[in-house]
């Protein structure tokens, strides 16, 4: 019988052999803008090979092949057939309302999974994601596309927060301010048929989850990360200032309350002028503050001058590089429940806006 020490040595040797001799092979489910971007980042910055693409539209797969830089990938229009193939991992970058279905199938296939955020557009979809993640083989790596969790400067900032250098964090504040490229619509948001809605799913709350879920969830995830978990309740307000096709909000403000009375504030909008973008998170402690963003981190302790460092590369690159490395080294993580909880936090904020009152986590989960 193999003893524990022999098993550990043989497992380490197998992982080293995998890293040295076998490239991780990856299939992409959903070759729109985001799927193509993530796959290209993986192909250009890691040893992984993109070998298969799946989409309902052949022309989209052809365009993705060129952008990714992959020659003669296997092409599928049936995602189950791609999952049944010999790929090691899958990137799920389909529309939000399809995430739960595609994630469940990927878990059953035993593939390593990189799934784009958010988990789902609604509570039930998030619950499906959590159940599937809990049932997954513990050897399978499951990563949500909350890439800030893997950014080099974000990790430095989190280490500083955990060290107590700025004292106990009392409040976090996040803003996601950007421009919307969608032109104003004279007639405002129209109901549309379901096929029309699906074709432009990102414009509709029931399919995308609304601005706070589909977009601002990145900032929500950072709040949860630095403030120690999901909130207890939320209250908020938001709406639409510029009439456009669809029914998603173009501005929102939500105040979350976390355990111990810690406050988290989120401000998100697409009302900024063209070319303007301000995406930042700030955390205030008893002794100082920490600021994180896509491009830098900044911190101050006591009366010392604030120190700033620019990011060496995109957080998206750090995220996919970490995903591939964990597969190679045989050190998987399963972030399925955590990713769903960050999505549920955004849904909690949406519900608080919808109901125009404070909504608790328990109320949301009861449906």
Protein backbone atom coordinates (compact mmCIF):
# COMPACT_ATOMS: atom_id res chain seq x y z
CA UNK A 1 0.00 0.00 0.00
CA UNK A 2 1.26 3.50 -0.87
CA UNK A 3 1.90 5.57 2.27
CA UNK A 4 0.99 9.26 2.53
CA UNK A 5 4.53 10.53 1.89
CA UNK A 6 4.89 8.39 -1.24
CA UNK A 7 1.48 9.58 -2.47
CA UNK A 8 2.44 13.24 -1.97
CA UNK A 9 5.73 12.78 -3.81
CA UNK A 10 4.09 10.95 -6.70
CA UNK A 11 1.33 13.57 -6.94
CA UNK A 12 3.88 16.40 -7.03
CA UNK A 13 5.86 14.57 -9.69
CA UNK A 14 2.73 14.08 -11.78
CA UNK A 15 1.88 17.76 -11.55
CA UNK A 16 5.43 18.74 -12.55
CA UNK A 17 5.27 16.33 -15.49
CA UNK A 18 1.94 17.80 -16.60
CA UNK A 19 3.36 21.30 -16.49
CA UNK A 20 6.49 20.30 -18.39
CA UNK A 21 5.03 18.08 -21.06
CA UNK A 22 1.37 18.97 -21.61
CA UNK A 23 -0.21 22.25 -22.58
CA UNK A 24 -3.63 22.85 -21.10
CA UNK A 25 -6.18 22.65 -23.91
CA UNK A 26 -9.12 25.03 -23.72
CA UNK A 27 -12.50 25.39 -25.43
CA UNK A 28 -14.41 28.66 -25.57
CA UNK A 29 -18.19 28.68 -25.15
CA UNK A 30 -19.46 32.01 -26.46
CA UNK A 31 -17.21 33.86 -28.89
CA UNK A 32 -18.61 37.36 -28.51
CA UNK A 33 -16.52 40.30 -27.36
CA UNK A 34 -15.82 39.03 -23.85
CA UNK A 35 -15.17 35.40 -24.73
CA UNK A 36 -12.78 36.42 -27.48
CA UNK A 37 -10.99 38.87 -25.18
CA UNK A 38 -10.47 36.33 -22.38
CA UNK A 39 -9.38 33.60 -24.81
CA UNK A 40 -6.91 35.94 -26.51
CA UNK A 41 -5.46 36.97 -23.15
CA UNK A 42 -5.03 33.31 -22.23
CA UNK A 43 -3.51 32.33 -25.58
CA UNK A 44 -1.03 35.21 -25.59
CA UNK A 45 0.04 35.17 -21.95
CA UNK A 46 -0.04 31.54 -20.81
CA UNK A 47 1.10 28.12 -22.08
CA UNK A 48 -2.54 27.08 -22.60
CA UNK A 49 -3.78 26.36 -26.13
CA UNK A 50 -7.21 27.41 -27.39
CA UNK A 51 -8.25 24.42 -29.49
CA UNK A 52 -12.06 24.62 -29.74
CA UNK A 53 -14.74 27.27 -30.18
CA UNK A 54 -18.49 27.00 -29.71
CA UNK A 55 -21.11 29.52 -30.79
CA UNK A 56 -24.42 29.55 -32.62
CA UNK A 57 -22.96 31.89 -35.27
CA UNK A 58 -20.22 30.59 -37.56
CA UNK A 59 -19.12 34.08 -38.58
CA UNK A 60 -18.50 34.97 -34.95
CA UNK A 61 -16.29 31.92 -34.48
CA UNK A 62 -14.35 32.82 -37.62
CA UNK A 63 -13.73 36.34 -36.34
CA UNK A 64 -12.75 35.03 -32.90
CA UNK A 65 -10.21 32.63 -34.44
CA UNK A 66 -8.42 35.54 -36.07
CA UNK A 67 -8.43 37.72 -32.98
CA UNK A 68 -7.26 34.92 -30.70
CA UNK A 69 -4.61 33.87 -33.21
CA UNK A 70 -5.58 30.21 -33.39
CA UNK A 71 -5.46 28.27 -36.64
CA UNK A 72 -7.99 25.57 -37.49
CA UNK A 73 -9.72 25.23 -34.09
CA UNK A 74 -12.44 22.64 -33.76
CA UNK A 75 -15.77 24.40 -34.23
CA UNK A 76 -19.04 23.47 -32.49
CA UNK A 77 -22.56 24.81 -32.43
CA UNK A 78 -23.61 22.28 -29.77
CA UNK A 79 -21.87 23.00 -26.45
CA UNK A 80 -22.55 19.47 -25.18
CA UNK A 81 -20.43 18.06 -28.01
CA UNK A 82 -17.56 20.36 -27.11
CA UNK A 83 -17.85 19.33 -23.45
CA UNK A 84 -17.73 15.67 -24.54
CA UNK A 85 -14.43 16.27 -26.37
CA UNK A 86 -10.94 15.90 -24.91
CA UNK A 87 -10.40 19.55 -23.90
CA UNK A 88 -9.02 20.11 -20.40
CA UNK A 89 -10.83 23.36 -19.63
CA UNK A 90 -13.65 25.59 -20.79
CA UNK A 91 -14.18 29.34 -20.83
CA UNK A 92 -17.89 30.14 -20.38
CA UNK A 93 -18.64 33.57 -21.84
CA UNK A 94 -22.24 33.21 -22.92
CA UNK A 95 -25.03 35.71 -22.08
CA UNK A 96 -25.74 35.99 -18.37
CA UNK A 97 -29.14 34.29 -18.46
CA UNK A 98 -27.49 31.10 -19.82
CA UNK A 99 -24.71 30.86 -17.22
CA UNK A 100 -26.42 28.48 -14.80
CA UNK A 101 -27.31 25.96 -17.52
CA UNK A 102 -23.86 26.03 -19.07
CA UNK A 103 -22.08 25.92 -15.71
CA UNK A 104 -24.06 22.89 -14.55
CA UNK A 105 -23.19 21.03 -17.76
CA UNK A 106 -19.51 21.98 -17.49
CA UNK A 107 -19.34 20.72 -13.89
CA UNK A 108 -20.88 17.39 -14.93
CA UNK A 109 -18.31 17.07 -17.72
CA UNK A 110 -15.43 17.30 -15.26
CA UNK A 111 -13.68 20.12 -17.14
CA UNK A 112 -11.82 22.94 -15.44
CA UNK A 113 -14.02 26.06 -15.66
CA UNK A 114 -13.34 29.74 -16.14
CA UNK A 115 -16.76 31.42 -16.12
CA UNK A 116 -17.39 35.08 -16.77
CA UNK A 117 -19.22 37.17 -14.22
CA UNK A 118 -21.95 37.55 -13.08
CA UNK A 119 -23.21 34.15 -11.98
CA UNK A 120 -26.79 34.77 -13.09
CA UNK A 121 -29.43 37.43 -13.61
CA UNK A 122 -31.61 36.16 -10.76
CA UNK A 123 -31.55 34.48 -7.35
CA UNK A 124 -32.58 31.02 -8.57
CA UNK A 125 -29.80 31.00 -11.17
CA UNK A 126 -27.26 31.85 -8.46
CA UNK A 127 -28.59 29.04 -6.27
CA UNK A 128 -28.14 26.62 -9.21
CA UNK A 129 -24.55 27.80 -9.59
CA UNK A 130 -23.86 27.24 -5.88
CA UNK A 131 -25.39 23.76 -5.86
CA UNK A 132 -23.38 22.75 -8.92
CA UNK A 133 -20.16 24.21 -7.49
CA UNK A 134 -20.67 22.34 -4.22
CA UNK A 135 -21.18 19.09 -6.17
CA UNK A 136 -18.07 19.54 -8.34
CA UNK A 137 -15.09 17.19 -8.17
CA UNK A 138 -12.53 18.77 -5.84
CA UNK A 139 -9.82 18.22 -8.47
CA UNK A 140 -11.61 20.61 -10.83
CA UNK A 141 -10.54 24.24 -10.90
CA UNK A 142 -13.49 26.67 -10.95
CA UNK A 143 -12.73 30.36 -11.39
CA UNK A 144 -15.13 33.25 -11.81
CA UNK A 145 -14.03 36.18 -13.95
CA UNK A 146 -13.70 38.58 -11.04
CA UNK A 147 -10.18 39.31 -12.21
CA UNK A 148 -9.41 41.91 -9.54
CA UNK A 149 -9.04 39.02 -7.10
CA UNK A 150 -5.87 38.03 -8.99
CA UNK A 151 -4.43 41.45 -9.88
CA UNK A 152 -0.95 42.00 -8.52
CA UNK A 153 -1.74 45.39 -6.97
CA UNK A 154 -5.09 44.25 -5.59
CA UNK A 155 -3.32 41.40 -3.82
CA UNK A 156 -0.81 43.88 -2.33
CA UNK A 157 -3.67 46.08 -1.19
CA UNK A 158 -5.53 43.17 0.40
CA UNK A 159 -2.37 42.06 2.19
CA UNK A 160 -2.00 45.54 3.63
CA UNK A 161 -5.63 45.62 4.71
CA UNK A 162 -5.28 42.24 6.42
CA UNK A 163 -2.08 43.32 8.17
CA UNK A 164 -3.96 45.94 10.17
CA UNK A 165 -1.72 48.75 8.93
CA UNK A 166 -4.69 51.08 8.36
CA UNK A 167 -6.58 49.76 11.38
CA UNK A 168 -10.02 48.21 11.37
CA UNK A 169 -11.79 49.06 8.14
CA UNK A 170 -15.01 50.89 8.92
CA UNK A 171 -16.25 51.69 5.45
CA UNK A 172 -15.69 50.81 1.81
CA UNK A 173 -16.74 53.00 -1.09
CA UNK A 174 -16.79 51.95 -4.74
CA UNK A 175 -17.64 53.86 -7.89
CA UNK A 176 -18.03 52.56 -11.44
CA UNK A 177 -18.57 55.58 -13.67
CA UNK A 178 -18.39 55.25 -17.43
CA UNK A 179 -19.96 56.25 -20.74
CA UNK A 180 -22.66 54.29 -22.53
CA UNK A 181 -22.14 53.85 -26.25
CA UNK A 182 -25.85 53.06 -26.75
CA UNK A 183 -27.57 56.01 -28.48
CA UNK A 184 -30.64 57.60 -26.91
CA UNK A 185 -33.96 56.23 -28.19
CA UNK A 186 -36.75 58.64 -29.04
CA UNK A 187 -39.41 56.14 -27.98
CA UNK A 188 -37.65 54.94 -24.85
CA UNK A 189 -37.40 51.29 -23.79
CA UNK A 190 -39.85 49.09 -25.66
CA UNK A 191 -40.98 45.64 -24.45
CA UNK A 192 -39.99 43.81 -27.64
CA UNK A 193 -40.48 40.12 -28.42
CA UNK A 194 -38.39 37.53 -26.63
CA UNK A 195 -36.23 36.80 -29.73
CA UNK A 196 -35.54 40.53 -30.00
CA UNK A 197 -34.64 40.69 -26.32
CA UNK A 198 -32.29 37.71 -26.57
CA UNK A 199 -30.48 39.29 -29.52
CA UNK A 200 -29.72 42.31 -27.30
CA UNK A 201 -29.83 40.59 -23.93
CA UNK A 202 -27.55 43.13 -22.21
CA UNK A 203 -30.26 45.82 -22.56
CA UNK A 204 -32.85 43.95 -20.50
CA UNK A 205 -32.94 43.42 -16.73
CA UNK A 206 -34.47 39.95 -16.84
CA UNK A 207 -31.64 38.68 -19.08
CA UNK A 208 -28.63 40.69 -17.91
CA UNK A 209 -29.53 41.45 -14.31
CA UNK A 210 -29.43 45.25 -14.78
CA UNK A 211 -26.43 47.62 -14.63
CA UNK A 212 -25.57 46.75 -11.04
CA UNK A 213 -25.47 43.00 -11.73
CA UNK A 214 -23.97 42.80 -15.21
CA UNK A 215 -21.41 45.60 -14.81
CA UNK A 216 -21.06 47.02 -11.28
CA UNK A 217 -20.72 43.51 -9.84
CA UNK A 218 -16.93 43.86 -10.24
CA UNK A 219 -16.97 46.64 -7.66
CA UNK A 220 -19.43 44.73 -5.47
CA UNK A 221 -17.05 41.76 -5.43
CA UNK A 222 -14.18 43.96 -4.26
CA UNK A 223 -16.37 45.36 -1.45
CA UNK A 224 -17.22 41.83 -0.31
CA UNK A 225 -13.56 40.80 -0.53
CA UNK A 226 -12.14 43.65 1.54
CA UNK A 227 -15.06 43.92 3.97
CA UNK A 228 -15.00 40.24 4.88
CA UNK A 229 -17.95 38.61 3.14
CA UNK A 230 -21.48 39.27 2.02
CA UNK A 231 -23.59 42.09 3.47
CA UNK A 232 -26.50 41.79 5.89
CA UNK A 233 -28.79 44.23 4.09
CA UNK A 234 -29.01 46.95 1.46
CA UNK A 235 -30.93 50.10 0.68
CA UNK A 236 -30.67 52.05 -2.54
CA UNK A 237 -32.02 54.21 -5.32
CA UNK A 238 -31.54 54.33 -9.05
CA UNK A 239 -33.25 54.81 -12.36
CA UNK A 240 -32.99 55.88 -15.96
CA UNK A 241 -32.15 59.44 -17.00
CA UNK A 242 -31.55 58.93 -20.73
CA UNK A 243 -34.14 56.86 -22.59
CA UNK A 244 -32.49 54.04 -24.52
CA UNK A 245 -33.69 50.73 -25.93
CA UNK A 246 -34.21 48.28 -23.09
CA UNK A 247 -34.98 48.75 -19.42
CA UNK A 248 -31.61 48.69 -17.62
CA UNK A 249 -30.86 51.56 -15.25
CA UNK A 250 -28.21 54.12 -16.15
CA UNK A 251 -27.47 55.12 -12.57
CA UNK A 252 -27.66 53.56 -9.13
CA UNK A 253 -26.51 54.16 -5.57
CA UNK A 254 -26.66 51.41 -2.97
CA UNK A 255 -25.62 51.39 0.69
CA UNK A 256 -24.79 47.92 2.02
CA UNK A 257 -24.43 47.06 5.68
CA UNK A 258 -21.94 44.32 6.56
CA UNK A 259 -21.38 42.42 9.79
CA UNK A 260 -20.40 44.58 12.74
CA UNK A 261 -22.00 47.68 11.25
CA UNK A 262 -19.32 48.11 8.57
CA UNK A 263 -20.60 50.21 5.69
CA UNK A 264 -20.21 49.61 1.96
CA UNK A 265 -21.28 52.14 -0.65
CA UNK A 266 -21.63 51.65 -4.40
CA UNK A 267 -22.20 54.29 -7.05
CA UNK A 268 -22.53 53.18 -10.65
CA UNK A 269 -23.55 55.01 -13.81
CA UNK A 270 -23.24 55.08 -17.59
CA UNK A 271 -24.07 58.80 -17.77
CA UNK A 272 -20.47 60.00 -18.09
CA UNK A 273 -19.40 61.69 -21.34
CA UNK A 274 -17.54 59.76 -24.03
CA UNK A 275 -13.96 58.99 -23.04
CA UNK A 276 -14.56 59.32 -19.30
CA UNK A 277 -14.03 56.33 -17.02
CA UNK A 278 -13.54 56.27 -13.25
CA UNK A 279 -13.51 52.84 -11.61
CA UNK A 280 -12.09 52.84 -8.09
CA UNK A 281 -12.61 51.38 -4.62
CA UNK A 282 -11.57 53.02 -1.33
CA UNK A 283 -11.36 51.53 2.15
CA UNK A 284 -11.18 53.70 5.24
CA UNK A 285 -9.68 52.46 8.51
CA UNK A 286 -8.90 53.99 11.87
CA UNK A 287 -5.31 54.80 10.86
CA UNK A 288 -5.44 55.37 7.12
CA UNK A 289 -6.95 54.40 3.79
CA UNK A 290 -6.38 52.07 0.85
CA UNK A 291 -7.46 52.80 -2.71
CA UNK A 292 -7.59 50.22 -5.50
CA UNK A 293 -8.37 50.51 -9.20
CA UNK A 294 -7.85 48.90 -12.58
CA UNK A 295 -4.65 50.89 -13.08
CA UNK A 296 -3.14 51.65 -9.66
CA UNK A 297 -3.28 51.32 -5.91
CA UNK A 298 -2.74 54.07 -3.37
CA UNK A 299 -2.49 54.07 0.39
CA UNK A 300 -1.81 56.34 3.34
CA UNK A 301 -1.10 55.53 6.98
CA UNK A 302 -1.26 58.22 9.62
CA UNK A 303 0.04 61.62 8.53
CA UNK A 304 2.47 60.21 5.96
CA UNK A 305 2.10 61.21 2.32
CA UNK A 306 -0.01 58.90 0.18
CA UNK A 307 1.96 56.33 -1.83
CA UNK A 308 0.82 55.24 -5.29
CA UNK A 309 1.93 52.38 -7.56
CA UNK A 310 0.79 51.76 -11.13
CA UNK A 311 -0.32 48.32 -12.28
CA UNK A 312 2.26 46.43 -14.38
CA UNK A 313 -0.37 44.69 -16.49
CA UNK A 314 -4.08 44.00 -16.89
CA UNK A 315 -5.88 42.21 -14.08
CA UNK A 316 -7.47 40.03 -16.76
CA UNK A 317 -4.04 38.67 -17.69
CA UNK A 318 -3.25 37.95 -14.04
CA UNK A 319 -6.57 36.13 -13.71
CA UNK A 320 -6.18 33.77 -16.66
CA UNK A 321 -2.49 33.18 -15.84
CA UNK A 322 -3.43 32.10 -12.32
CA UNK A 323 -6.17 29.82 -13.69
CA UNK A 324 -3.79 28.00 -16.03
CA UNK A 325 -1.04 27.78 -13.42
CA UNK A 326 -3.35 26.14 -10.91
CA UNK A 327 -4.33 23.52 -13.47
CA UNK A 328 -0.70 22.84 -14.33
CA UNK A 329 0.37 22.55 -10.70
CA UNK A 330 -2.62 20.48 -9.61
CA UNK A 331 -3.69 23.11 -7.05
CA UNK A 332 -7.33 23.81 -7.88
CA UNK A 333 -9.64 26.30 -6.23
CA UNK A 334 -13.41 26.42 -6.38
CA UNK A 335 -14.77 29.97 -6.34
CA UNK A 336 -18.27 29.00 -7.47
CA UNK A 337 -20.09 29.86 -4.24
CA UNK A 338 -18.07 33.02 -3.68
CA UNK A 339 -18.78 34.23 -7.22
CA UNK A 340 -22.49 33.52 -6.80
CA UNK A 341 -22.53 35.39 -3.47
CA UNK A 342 -20.99 38.50 -5.06
CA UNK A 343 -23.65 38.30 -7.76
CA UNK A 344 -26.35 37.88 -5.12
CA UNK A 345 -25.00 40.97 -3.36
CA UNK A 346 -25.58 42.95 -6.56
CA UNK A 347 -29.06 41.42 -6.86
CA UNK A 348 -29.71 42.48 -3.24
CA UNK A 349 -28.90 46.05 -4.25
CA UNK A 350 -31.20 45.79 -7.26
CA UNK A 351 -34.04 44.51 -5.09
CA UNK A 352 -33.53 47.38 -2.64
CA UNK A 353 -33.89 49.82 -5.54
CA UNK A 354 -36.92 48.00 -6.92
CA UNK A 355 -38.72 47.87 -3.55
CA UNK A 356 -37.59 51.33 -2.43
CA UNK A 357 -36.73 50.10 1.06
CA UNK A 358 -34.15 48.15 3.00
CA UNK A 359 -33.93 44.49 1.97
CA UNK A 360 -32.12 41.85 4.02
CA UNK A 361 -30.08 38.96 2.69
CA UNK A 362 -32.51 36.48 4.26
CA UNK A 363 -35.49 38.12 2.57
CA UNK A 364 -33.77 37.93 -0.80
CA UNK A 365 -32.87 34.28 -0.39
CA UNK A 366 -36.41 33.38 0.63
CA UNK A 367 -37.54 34.76 -2.74
